[in-house]
C-alpha atoms as a PDB file:
ATOM      1  CA  UNK A   1      -2.933  52.458 -17.203  1.00  0.00           C
ATOM      2  CA  UNK A   2      -2.369  49.703 -19.762  1.00  0.00           C
ATOM      3  CA  UNK A   3       1.285  49.421 -18.693  1.00  0.00           C
ATOM      4  CA  UNK A   4       0.225  48.961 -15.049  1.00  0.00           C
ATOM      5  CA  UNK A   5      -2.154  46.128 -16.031  1.00  0.00           C
ATOM      6  CA  UNK A   6       0.643  44.369 -17.925  1.00  0.00           C
ATOM      7  CA  UNK A   7       3.029  44.654 -14.966  1.00  0.00           C
ATOM      8  CA  UNK A   8       0.427  43.332 -12.518  1.00  0.00           C
ATOM      9  CA  UNK A   9      -0.501  40.508 -14.883  1.00  0.00           C
ATOM     10  CA  UNK A  10       3.169  39.527 -15.287  1.00  0.00           C
ATOM     11  CA  UNK A  11       3.747  39.506 -11.522  1.00  0.00           C
ATOM     12  CA  UNK A  12       0.559  37.543 -10.906  1.00  0.00           C
ATOM     13  CA  UNK A  13       1.418  34.915 -13.526  1.00  0.00           C
ATOM     14  CA  UNK A  14       5.005  34.569 -12.289  1.00  0.00           C
ATOM     15  CA  UNK A  15       3.769  33.903  -8.732  1.00  0.00           C
ATOM     16  CA  UNK A  16       1.329  31.255  -9.951  1.00  0.00           C
ATOM     17  CA  UNK A  17       3.940  29.604 -12.175  1.00  0.00           C
ATOM     18  CA  UNK A  18       6.573  29.456  -9.419  1.00  0.00           C
ATOM     19  CA  UNK A  19       4.063  27.926  -6.993  1.00  0.00           C
ATOM     20  CA  UNK A  20       3.145  25.333  -9.611  1.00  0.00           C
ATOM     21  CA  UNK A  21       6.770  24.341 -10.205  1.00  0.00           C
ATOM     22  CA  UNK A  22       7.496  24.048  -6.490  1.00  0.00           C
ATOM     23  CA  UNK A  23       4.467  21.828  -6.058  1.00  0.00           C
ATOM     24  CA  UNK A  24       5.423  19.487  -8.900  1.00  0.00           C
ATOM     25  CA  UNK A  25       8.937  18.982  -7.509  1.00  0.00           C
ATOM     26  CA  UNK A  26       7.448  18.098  -4.136  1.00  0.00           C
ATOM     27  CA  UNK A  27       5.259  15.473  -5.745  1.00  0.00           C
ATOM     28  CA  UNK A  28       8.272  13.984  -7.546  1.00  0.00           C
ATOM     29  CA  UNK A  29      10.124  13.673  -4.250  1.00  0.00           C
ATOM     30  CA  UNK A  30       7.030  12.163  -2.656  1.00  0.00           C
ATOM     31  CA  UNK A  31       6.677   9.665  -5.500  1.00  0.00           C
ATOM     32  CA  UNK A  32      10.309   8.596  -5.118  1.00  0.00           C
ATOM     33  CA  UNK A  33       9.843   8.182  -1.375  1.00  0.00           C
ATOM     34  CA  UNK A  34       6.708   6.087  -1.992  1.00  0.00           C
ATOM     35  CA  UNK A  35       8.582   3.883  -4.472  1.00  0.00           C
ATOM     36  CA  UNK A  36      11.370   3.299  -1.962  1.00  0.00           C
ATOM     37  CA  UNK A  37       8.851   2.475   0.748  1.00  0.00           C
ATOM     38  CA  UNK A  38       7.021   0.029  -1.528  1.00  0.00           C
ATOM     39  CA  UNK A  39      10.312  -1.646  -2.457  1.00  0.00           C
ATOM     40  CA  UNK A  40      11.206  -2.050   1.218  1.00  0.00           C
ATOM     41  CA  UNK A  41       7.758  -3.481   1.969  1.00  0.00           C
ATOM     42  CA  UNK A  42       8.051  -6.021  -0.870  1.00  0.00           C
ATOM     43  CA  UNK A  43      11.526  -7.011   0.299  1.00  0.00           C
ATOM     44  CA  UNK A  44      10.274  -7.427   3.861  1.00  0.00           C
ATOM     45  CA  UNK A  45       7.322  -9.562   2.751  1.00  0.00           C
ATOM     46  CA  UNK A  46       9.581 -11.776   0.630  1.00  0.00           C
ATOM     47  CA  UNK A  47      11.968 -12.284   3.555  1.00  0.00           C
ATOM     48  CA  UNK A  48       9.067 -13.199   5.828  1.00  0.00           C
ATOM     49  CA  UNK A  49       7.711 -15.756   3.345  1.00  0.00           C
ATOM     50  CA  UNK A  50      11.176 -17.258   2.982  1.00  0.00           C
ATOM     51  CA  UNK A  51      11.504 -17.573   6.769  1.00  0.00           C
ATOM     52  CA  UNK A  52       8.100 -19.288   7.005  1.00  0.00           C
ATOM     53  CA  UNK A  53       9.050 -21.804   4.310  1.00  0.00           C
ATOM     54  CA  UNK A  54      12.343 -22.497   6.075  1.00  0.00           C
ATOM     55  CA  UNK A  55      10.461 -23.085   9.329  1.00  0.00           C
ATOM     56  CA  UNK A  56       8.066 -25.533   7.663  1.00  0.00           C
ATOM     57  CA  UNK A  57      10.921 -27.462   6.050  1.00  0.00           C
ATOM     58  CA  UNK A  58      12.542 -28.048   9.431  1.00  0.00           C
ATOM     59  CA  UNK A  59       9.516 -29.950  10.786  1.00  0.00           C
ATOM     60  CA  UNK A  60       8.758 -33.636  10.439  1.00  0.00           C
ATOM     61  CA  UNK A  61       5.770 -34.913   8.461  1.00  0.00           C
ATOM     62  CA  UNK A  62       3.328 -35.227  11.382  1.00  0.00           C
ATOM     63  CA  UNK A  63       4.127 -31.749  12.669  1.00  0.00           C
ATOM     64  CA  UNK A  64       3.661 -30.231   9.203  1.00  0.00           C
ATOM     65  CA  UNK A  65       0.268 -31.942   9.002  1.00  0.00           C
ATOM     66  CA  UNK A  66      -0.797 -30.480  12.361  1.00  0.00           C
ATOM     67  CA  UNK A  67       0.516 -27.051  11.349  1.00  0.00           C
ATOM     68  CA  UNK A  68      -1.480 -27.220   8.124  1.00  0.00           C
ATOM     69  CA  UNK A  69      -4.673 -28.158   9.992  1.00  0.00           C
ATOM     70  CA  UNK A  70      -4.135 -25.351  12.495  1.00  0.00           C
ATOM     71  CA  UNK A  71      -3.536 -22.877   9.674  1.00  0.00           C
ATOM     72  CA  UNK A  72      -6.773 -23.920   7.923  1.00  0.00           C
ATOM     73  CA  UNK A  73      -8.715 -23.623  11.176  1.00  0.00           C
ATOM     74  CA  UNK A  74      -7.246 -20.179  11.821  1.00  0.00           C
ATOM     75  CA  UNK A  75      -8.130 -18.954   8.320  1.00  0.00           C
ATOM     76  CA  UNK A  76     -11.656 -20.333   8.681  1.00  0.00           C
ATOM     77  CA  UNK A  77     -12.124 -18.371  11.908  1.00  0.00           C
ATOM     78  CA  UNK A  78     -10.713 -15.175  10.397  1.00  0.00           C
ATOM     79  CA  UNK A  79     -13.058 -15.112   7.407  1.00  0.00           C
ATOM     80  CA  UNK A  80     -15.828 -12.562   7.448  1.00  0.00           C
ATOM     81  CA  UNK A  81     -19.340 -13.858   7.765  1.00  0.00           C
ATOM     82  CA  UNK A  82     -21.336 -13.882   4.555  1.00  0.00           C
ATOM     83  CA  UNK A  83     -24.890 -12.940   5.318  1.00  0.00           C
ATOM     84  CA  UNK A  84     -27.374 -13.959   2.702  1.00  0.00           C
ATOM     85  CA  UNK A  85     -30.297 -11.781   1.718  1.00  0.00           C
ATOM     86  CA  UNK A  86     -32.625 -14.766   1.685  1.00  0.00           C
ATOM     87  CA  UNK A  87     -34.769 -15.331   4.704  1.00  0.00           C
ATOM     88  CA  UNK A  88     -34.345 -18.607   6.542  1.00  0.00           C
ATOM     89  CA  UNK A  89     -37.252 -20.987   6.488  1.00  0.00           C
ATOM     90  CA  UNK A  90     -38.754 -21.474   9.898  1.00  0.00           C
END
């Protein structure tokens, strides 16, 4: 009876251990894939910023001024509204 318990315990623990190792290797692969994806995203963002700067440099002074004003206006419209908790005086 004691021998049977030891055999079952050994089998049970080996199954749990093998599942744990398989899971950890999957997370390592996932982490590497995430790192690669983050690196590609950073590279893409840097290339986009570089292209925007190059576009701005190609414009004359008046056009850059208009572009700057348009950009400010666009950002102002995109901001979320800040609602205050105070009641307005009527």
